[in-house]
Amino acid sequence: MQNNNILMTQSEAANYLHTTVGTLNTWRHYGKDKIPFIRWGNRIRYRKEDLDAWIQSHVIDPANHNI
């Protein structure tokens, strides 16, 4: 059984999304893309299940996509 309720550091989340920590910081600061995060004191954590849901929400079906 796979545990999707894993807390990731900013670096781990950035690697998982194939982006940078700076990009995650910018998205969080400006509210872009609305990736849920957890503020734990002065630390930021991301749940793997939230990242997976965010990825899924950005899937585009080419049959229904107008270019």
PDB file of N, CA and C in Angstrom:
ATOM      1  N   MET A   1       0.845  -1.182   0.000  1.00  0.00           N
ATOM      2  CA  MET A   1       0.000   0.000   0.000  1.00  0.00           C
ATOM      3  C   MET A   1       0.885   1.238   0.000  1.00  0.00           C
ATOM      4  N   GLN A   2       0.574   2.184  -0.873  1.00  0.00           N
ATOM      5  CA  GLN A   2       1.373   3.383  -1.014  1.00  0.00           C
ATOM      6  C   GLN A   2       0.810   4.496  -0.143  1.00  0.00           C
ATOM      7  N   ASN A   3       1.682   5.189   0.581  1.00  0.00           N
ATOM      8  CA  ASN A   3       1.256   6.282   1.449  1.00  0.00           C
ATOM      9  C   ASN A   3       1.444   7.597   0.708  1.00  0.00           C
ATOM     10  N   ASN A   4       0.335   8.229   0.280  1.00  0.00           N
ATOM     11  CA  ASN A   4       0.402   9.501  -0.424  1.00  0.00           C
ATOM     12  C   ASN A   4       0.410  10.692   0.516  1.00  0.00           C
ATOM     13  N   ASN A   5       0.245  10.454   1.820  1.00  0.00           N
ATOM     14  CA  ASN A   5       0.219  11.536   2.788  1.00  0.00           C
ATOM     15  C   ASN A   5       1.633  11.819   3.286  1.00  0.00           C
ATOM     16  N   ILE A   6       2.534  12.058   2.340  1.00  0.00           N
ATOM     17  CA  ILE A   6       3.941  12.283   2.645  1.00  0.00           C
ATOM     18  C   ILE A   6       4.208  13.788   2.595  1.00  0.00           C
ATOM     19  N   LEU A   7       4.860  14.312   3.630  1.00  0.00           N
ATOM     20  CA  LEU A   7       5.239  15.719   3.635  1.00  0.00           C
ATOM     21  C   LEU A   7       6.595  15.871   2.962  1.00  0.00           C
ATOM     22  N   MET A   8       6.651  16.767   1.980  1.00  0.00           N
ATOM     23  CA  MET A   8       7.887  17.015   1.241  1.00  0.00           C
ATOM     24  C   MET A   8       8.412  18.400   1.578  1.00  0.00           C
ATOM     25  N   THR A   9       9.725  18.517   1.605  1.00  0.00           N
ATOM     26  CA  THR A   9      10.344  19.830   1.733  1.00  0.00           C
ATOM     27  C   THR A   9      10.140  20.586   0.422  1.00  0.00           C
ATOM     28  N   GLN A  10      10.467  21.860   0.434  1.00  0.00           N
ATOM     29  CA  GLN A  10      10.359  22.647  -0.801  1.00  0.00           C
ATOM     30  C   GLN A  10      11.256  22.068  -1.890  1.00  0.00           C
ATOM     31  N   SER A  11      12.439  21.657  -1.527  1.00  0.00           N
ATOM     32  CA  SER A  11      13.371  21.086  -2.496  1.00  0.00           C
ATOM     33  C   SER A  11      12.829  19.786  -3.084  1.00  0.00           C
ATOM     34  N   GLU A  12      12.291  18.932  -2.229  1.00  0.00           N
ATOM     35  CA  GLU A  12      11.712  17.671  -2.697  1.00  0.00           C
ATOM     36  C   GLU A  12      10.508  17.917  -3.604  1.00  0.00           C
ATOM     37  N   ALA A  13       9.659  18.868  -3.219  1.00  0.00           N
ATOM     38  CA  ALA A  13       8.480  19.185  -4.032  1.00  0.00           C
ATOM     39  C   ALA A  13       8.896  19.764  -5.379  1.00  0.00           C
ATOM     40  N   ALA A  14       9.888  20.635  -5.379  1.00  0.00           N
ATOM     41  CA  ALA A  14      10.373  21.214  -6.633  1.00  0.00           C
ATOM     42  C   ALA A  14      10.923  20.118  -7.547  1.00  0.00           C
ATOM     43  N   ASN A  15      11.695  19.209  -6.995  1.00  0.00           N
ATOM     44  CA  ASN A  15      12.221  18.098  -7.791  1.00  0.00           C
ATOM     45  C   ASN A  15      11.089  17.240  -8.330  1.00  0.00           C
ATOM     46  N   TYR A  16      10.089  16.982  -7.512  1.00  0.00           N
ATOM     47  CA  TYR A  16       8.949  16.156  -7.912  1.00  0.00           C
ATOM     48  C   TYR A  16       8.193  16.792  -9.079  1.00  0.00           C
ATOM     49  N   LEU A  17       8.085  18.131  -9.061  1.00  0.00           N
ATOM     50  CA  LEU A  17       7.372  18.858 -10.109  1.00  0.00           C
ATOM     51  C   LEU A  17       8.289  19.288 -11.256  1.00  0.00           C
ATOM     52  N   HIS A  18       9.555  18.945 -11.162  1.00  0.00           N
ATOM     53  CA  HIS A  18      10.545  19.313 -12.186  1.00  0.00           C
ATOM     54  C   HIS A  18      10.605  20.826 -12.384  1.00  0.00           C
ATOM     55  N   THR A  19      10.671  21.530 -11.263  1.00  0.00           N
ATOM     56  CA  THR A  19      10.807  22.981 -11.283  1.00  0.00           C
ATOM     57  C   THR A  19      11.824  23.367 -10.219  1.00  0.00           C
ATOM     58  N   THR A  20      11.887  24.626  -9.880  1.00  0.00           N
ATOM     59  CA  THR A  20      12.849  25.084  -8.880  1.00  0.00           C
ATOM     60  C   THR A  20      12.137  25.531  -7.610  1.00  0.00           C
ATOM     61  N   VAL A  21      12.890  25.605  -6.536  1.00  0.00           N
ATOM     62  CA  VAL A  21      12.350  26.123  -5.278  1.00  0.00           C
ATOM     63  C   VAL A  21      11.924  27.576  -5.469  1.00  0.00           C
ATOM     64  N   GLY A  22      12.700  28.325  -6.239  1.00  0.00           N
ATOM     65  CA  GLY A  22      12.354  29.720  -6.516  1.00  0.00           C
ATOM     66  C   GLY A  22      11.003  29.855  -7.198  1.00  0.00           C
ATOM     67  N   THR A  23      10.723  28.958  -8.138  1.00  0.00           N
ATOM     68  CA  THR A  23       9.426  28.976  -8.815  1.00  0.00           C
ATOM     69  C   THR A  23       8.306  28.665  -7.835  1.00  0.00           C
ATOM     70  N   LEU A  24       8.499  27.668  -6.977  1.00  0.00           N
ATOM     71  CA  LEU A  24       7.486  27.354  -5.965  1.00  0.00           C
ATOM     72  C   LEU A  24       7.253  28.553  -5.044  1.00  0.00           C
ATOM     73  N   ASN A  25       8.336  29.209  -4.652  1.00  0.00           N
ATOM     74  CA  ASN A  25       8.209  30.394  -3.793  1.00  0.00           C
ATOM     75  C   ASN A  25       7.408  31.490  -4.494  1.00  0.00           C
ATOM     76  N   THR A  26       7.679  31.707  -5.769  1.00  0.00           N
ATOM     77  CA  THR A  26       6.959  32.726  -6.537  1.00  0.00           C
ATOM     78  C   THR A  26       5.488  32.366  -6.650  1.00  0.00           C
ATOM     79  N   TRP A  27       5.187  31.124  -6.981  1.00  0.00           N
ATOM     80  CA  TRP A  27       3.798  30.688  -7.087  1.00  0.00           C
ATOM     81  C   TRP A  27       3.070  30.884  -5.757  1.00  0.00           C
ATOM     82  N   ARG A  28       3.730  30.511  -4.648  1.00  0.00           N
ATOM     83  CA  ARG A  28       3.100  30.627  -3.332  1.00  0.00           C
ATOM     84  C   ARG A  28       2.891  32.101  -2.975  1.00  0.00           C
ATOM     85  N   HIS A  29       3.887  32.940  -3.247  1.00  0.00           N
ATOM     86  CA  HIS A  29       3.812  34.351  -2.910  1.00  0.00           C
ATOM     87  C   HIS A  29       2.687  35.056  -3.671  1.00  0.00           C
ATOM     88  N   TYR A  30       2.559  34.766  -4.957  1.00  0.00           N
ATOM     89  CA  TYR A  30       1.563  35.441  -5.788  1.00  0.00           C
ATOM     90  C   TYR A  30       0.257  34.667  -5.908  1.00  0.00           C
ATOM     91  N   GLY A  31       0.173  33.492  -5.280  1.00  0.00           N
ATOM     92  CA  GLY A  31      -1.051  32.710  -5.320  1.00  0.00           C
ATOM     93  C   GLY A  31      -1.286  32.035  -6.664  1.00  0.00           C
ATOM     94  N   LYS A  32      -0.237  31.970  -7.507  1.00  0.00           N
ATOM     95  CA  LYS A  32      -0.373  31.362  -8.828  1.00  0.00           C
ATOM     96  C   LYS A  32      -0.506  29.853  -8.694  1.00  0.00           C
ATOM     97  N   ASP A  33      -1.403  29.294  -9.453  1.00  0.00           N
ATOM     98  CA  ASP A  33      -1.613  27.850  -9.554  1.00  0.00           C
ATOM     99  C   ASP A  33      -2.139  27.204  -8.287  1.00  0.00           C
ATOM    100  N   LYS A  34      -2.233  27.929  -7.190  1.00  0.00           N
ATOM    101  CA  LYS A  34      -2.922  27.469  -5.980  1.00  0.00           C
ATOM    102  C   LYS A  34      -2.510  26.068  -5.514  1.00  0.00           C
ATOM    103  N   ILE A  35      -1.226  25.813  -5.447  1.00  0.00           N
ATOM    104  CA  ILE A  35      -0.765  24.535  -4.905  1.00  0.00           C
ATOM    105  C   ILE A  35      -0.878  24.622  -3.385  1.00  0.00           C
ATOM    106  N   PRO A  36      -1.662  23.732  -2.754  1.00  0.00           N
ATOM    107  CA  PRO A  36      -1.771  23.764  -1.295  1.00  0.00           C
ATOM    108  C   PRO A  36      -0.418  23.494  -0.631  1.00  0.00           C
ATOM    109  N   PHE A  37      -0.185  24.166   0.475  1.00  0.00           N
ATOM    110  CA  PHE A  37       1.053  23.956   1.228  1.00  0.00           C
ATOM    111  C   PHE A  37       0.753  24.041   2.711  1.00  0.00           C
ATOM    112  N   ILE A  38       1.700  23.582   3.492  1.00  0.00           N
ATOM    113  CA  ILE A  38       1.583  23.599   4.949  1.00  0.00           C
ATOM    114  C   ILE A  38       2.691  24.489   5.488  1.00  0.00           C
ATOM    115  N   ARG A  39       2.320  25.465   6.302  1.00  0.00           N
ATOM    116  CA  ARG A  39       3.321  26.297   6.977  1.00  0.00           C
ATOM    117  C   ARG A  39       3.504  25.711   8.372  1.00  0.00           C
ATOM    118  N   TRP A  40       4.713  25.266   8.632  1.00  0.00           N
ATOM    119  CA  TRP A  40       5.040  24.610   9.890  1.00  0.00           C
ATOM    120  C   TRP A  40       6.121  25.452  10.556  1.00  0.00           C
ATOM    121  N   GLY A  41       5.689  26.414  11.360  1.00  0.00           N
ATOM    122  CA  GLY A  41       6.635  27.396  11.897  1.00  0.00           C
ATOM    123  C   GLY A  41       7.111  28.256  10.742  1.00  0.00           C
ATOM    124  N   ASN A  42       8.420  28.299  10.533  1.00  0.00           N
ATOM    125  CA  ASN A  42       8.945  29.043   9.392  1.00  0.00           C
ATOM    126  C   ASN A  42       9.268  28.119   8.217  1.00  0.00           C
ATOM    127  N   ARG A  43       8.813  26.879   8.309  1.00  0.00           N
ATOM    128  CA  ARG A  43       9.060  25.905   7.244  1.00  0.00           C
ATOM    129  C   ARG A  43       7.809  25.733   6.384  1.00  0.00           C
ATOM    130  N   ILE A  44       8.056  25.418   5.116  1.00  0.00           N
ATOM    131  CA  ILE A  44       6.981  25.140   4.177  1.00  0.00           C
ATOM    132  C   ILE A  44       7.080  23.669   3.789  1.00  0.00           C
ATOM    133  N   ARG A  45       5.953  22.992   3.799  1.00  0.00           N
ATOM    134  CA  ARG A  45       5.898  21.580   3.393  1.00  0.00           C
ATOM    135  C   ARG A  45       4.753  21.400   2.413  1.00  0.00           C
ATOM    136  N   TYR A  46       4.909  20.413   1.552  1.00  0.00           N
ATOM    137  CA  TYR A  46       3.878  20.063   0.572  1.00  0.00           C
ATOM    138  C   TYR A  46       3.523  18.600   0.758  1.00  0.00           C
ATOM    139  N   ARG A  47       2.227  18.295   0.657  1.00  0.00           N
ATOM    140  CA  ARG A  47       1.791  16.895   0.712  1.00  0.00           C
ATOM    141  C   ARG A  47       1.839  16.328  -0.700  1.00  0.00           C
ATOM    142  N   LYS A  48       2.361  15.131  -0.823  1.00  0.00           N
ATOM    143  CA  LYS A  48       2.462  14.479  -2.125  1.00  0.00           C
ATOM    144  C   LYS A  48       1.089  14.367  -2.772  1.00  0.00           C
ATOM    145  N   GLU A  49       0.066  14.053  -1.995  1.00  0.00           N
ATOM    146  CA  GLU A  49      -1.282  13.905  -2.558  1.00  0.00           C
ATOM    147  C   GLU A  49      -1.781  15.227  -3.146  1.00  0.00           C
ATOM    148  N   ASP A  50      -1.411  16.361  -2.548  1.00  0.00           N
ATOM    149  CA  ASP A  50      -1.794  17.664  -3.095  1.00  0.00           C
ATOM    150  C   ASP A  50      -1.054  17.958  -4.400  1.00  0.00           C
ATOM    151  N   LEU A  51       0.220  17.588  -4.449  1.00  0.00           N
ATOM    152  CA  LEU A  51       0.987  17.785  -5.681  1.00  0.00           C
ATOM    153  C   LEU A  51       0.430  16.918  -6.807  1.00  0.00           C
ATOM    154  N   ASP A  52       0.074  15.673  -6.477  1.00  0.00           N
ATOM    155  CA  ASP A  52      -0.514  14.780  -7.483  1.00  0.00           C
ATOM    156  C   ASP A  52      -1.846  15.332  -7.991  1.00  0.00           C
ATOM    157  N   ALA A  53      -2.664  15.864  -7.100  1.00  0.00           N
ATOM    158  CA  ALA A  53      -3.948  16.444  -7.496  1.00  0.00           C
ATOM    159  C   ALA A  53      -3.731  17.678  -8.371  1.00  0.00           C
ATOM    160  N   TRP A  54      -2.739  18.493  -8.041  1.00  0.00           N
ATOM    161  CA  TRP A  54      -2.416  19.678  -8.831  1.00  0.00           C
ATOM    162  C   TRP A  54      -1.967  19.276 -10.237  1.00  0.00           C
ATOM    163  N   ILE A  55      -1.120  18.262 -10.313  1.00  0.00           N
ATOM    164  CA  ILE A  55      -0.686  17.760 -11.623  1.00  0.00           C
ATOM    165  C   ILE A  55      -1.894  17.295 -12.424  1.00  0.00           C
ATOM    166  N   GLN A  56      -2.756  16.512 -11.805  1.00  0.00           N
ATOM    167  CA  GLN A  56      -3.940  15.980 -12.487  1.00  0.00           C
ATOM    168  C   GLN A  56      -4.846  17.108 -12.986  1.00  0.00           C
ATOM    169  N   SER A  57      -4.936  18.192 -12.220  1.00  0.00           N
ATOM    170  CA  SER A  57      -5.802  19.308 -12.613  1.00  0.00           C
ATOM    171  C   SER A  57      -5.265  20.054 -13.834  1.00  0.00           C
ATOM    172  N   HIS A  58      -4.013  19.806 -14.196  1.00  0.00           N
ATOM    173  CA  HIS A  58      -3.404  20.479 -15.341  1.00  0.00           C
ATOM    174  C   HIS A  58      -3.294  19.580 -16.572  1.00  0.00           C
ATOM    175  N   VAL A  59      -3.874  18.403 -16.504  1.00  0.00           N
ATOM    176  CA  VAL A  59      -3.869  17.502 -17.662  1.00  0.00           C
ATOM    177  C   VAL A  59      -4.872  18.031 -18.686  1.00  0.00           C
ATOM    178  N   ILE A  60      -4.424  18.127 -19.923  1.00  0.00           N
ATOM    179  CA  ILE A  60      -5.273  18.621 -21.007  1.00  0.00           C
ATOM    180  C   ILE A  60      -5.557  17.472 -21.964  1.00  0.00           C
ATOM    181  N   ASP A  61      -6.827  17.276 -22.232  1.00  0.00           N
ATOM    182  CA  ASP A  61      -7.256  16.255 -23.187  1.00  0.00           C
ATOM    183  C   ASP A  61      -7.133  16.863 -24.586  1.00  0.00           C
ATOM    184  N   PRO A  62      -6.231  16.343 -25.417  1.00  0.00           N
ATOM    185  CA  PRO A  62      -6.036  16.937 -26.742  1.00  0.00           C
ATOM    186  C   PRO A  62      -7.295  16.899 -27.614  1.00  0.00           C
ATOM    187  N   ALA A  63      -8.189  15.968 -27.363  1.00  0.00           N
ATOM    188  CA  ALA A  63      -9.418  15.879 -28.155  1.00  0.00           C
ATOM    189  C   ALA A  63     -10.358  17.049 -27.874  1.00  0.00           C
ATOM    190  N   ASN A  64     -10.230  17.638 -26.678  1.00  0.00           N
ATOM    191  CA  ASN A  64     -11.111  18.742 -26.299  1.00  0.00           C
ATOM    192  C   ASN A  64     -10.384  20.073 -26.205  1.00  0.00           C
ATOM    193  N   HIS A  65      -9.172  20.115 -26.731  1.00  0.00           N
ATOM    194  CA  HIS A  65      -8.343  21.328 -26.607  1.00  0.00           C
ATOM    195  C   HIS A  65      -8.243  22.010 -27.956  1.00  0.00           C
ATOM    196  N   ASN A  66      -8.639  23.283 -27.986  1.00  0.00           N
ATOM    197  CA  ASN A  66      -8.512  24.078 -29.204  1.00  0.00           C
ATOM    198  C   ASN A  66      -7.187  24.815 -29.190  1.00  0.00           C
ATOM    199  N   ILE A  67      -6.439  24.652 -30.234  1.00  0.00           N
ATOM    200  CA  ILE A  67      -5.129  25.320 -30.322  1.00  0.00           C
ATOM    201  C   ILE A  67      -5.288  26.677 -30.948  1.00  0.00           C
TER     202      ILE A  67
END
